[in-house]
């Protein structure tokens, strides 16, 4: 890695300071993160919602949830490029998708899908590209000190997604006129099946997908910052950067004589 190109202030932080740094990265680079993320998902799910009958919309949402790790890879790619001062346009990010998904993407939606620390491990899997025992050993080394933080970060942001989804639904219900509210609630469920009506499923699905696309960059960025902070602790990136800056200042002074 070219540490002299890094655009964040690298220093030793506590785990939750590192999480805060990740949130700040999204706030800083949101214009680079959200457009390709949204377009990537629109290309997949708009045709599905058009072609699939309304009564099966719930399965589309389940599919959206299941392949979230693919969106995570795109987010991490963008953040890692921006962190090391590489300009990345929306078009370039989308063109990079085939190379991003090359290698072990099957594991991301199968045996690794339910790992609560998958967000922290993603940079290891995607950026370091080591395999086998070497990866397992390094994963244990990096994750050991921040395992609980990685798990609680996953749980916390998942709960935030659920809360925001139902908050949007509640806000939507506030705009239903009183004259139609009883009819709306009566038809909210299909009586004979006990299932949510297709069009209501579409509304809830849209809210959930919007909230998920909003929150997921914060989830990946926070885990990426945890990963960077852990490497800083183990590899003394902050000290190396300090020595490089010192060497640069000394060379400037010698050049000015």
Foldseek 3Di string as FASTA:
>chain_A
DPLVQFDDQDDADDLVVLLVVLLVLCVVCVVAQQPLLVVVVCVPPVVVVVPDDLVCVVVSLVVVLLLVVLSLLLLVVSSVCVRSPHDAHSVNSNVCSVVSCPDDSVCCRPVCVPPLLCLLCVCLVRVVVDDDPVSVVVCCLLCVVCVVVSNVLSVVLVVVLVVQLVVVVVVVLVPDDPVCNVVCVVQQADVVVRHGDSVVSVSSSVSSVVSCSVRVSSSNSSSVSSSSSSCCVVVVSVVVNVVVVVVVVVVVVVVVD
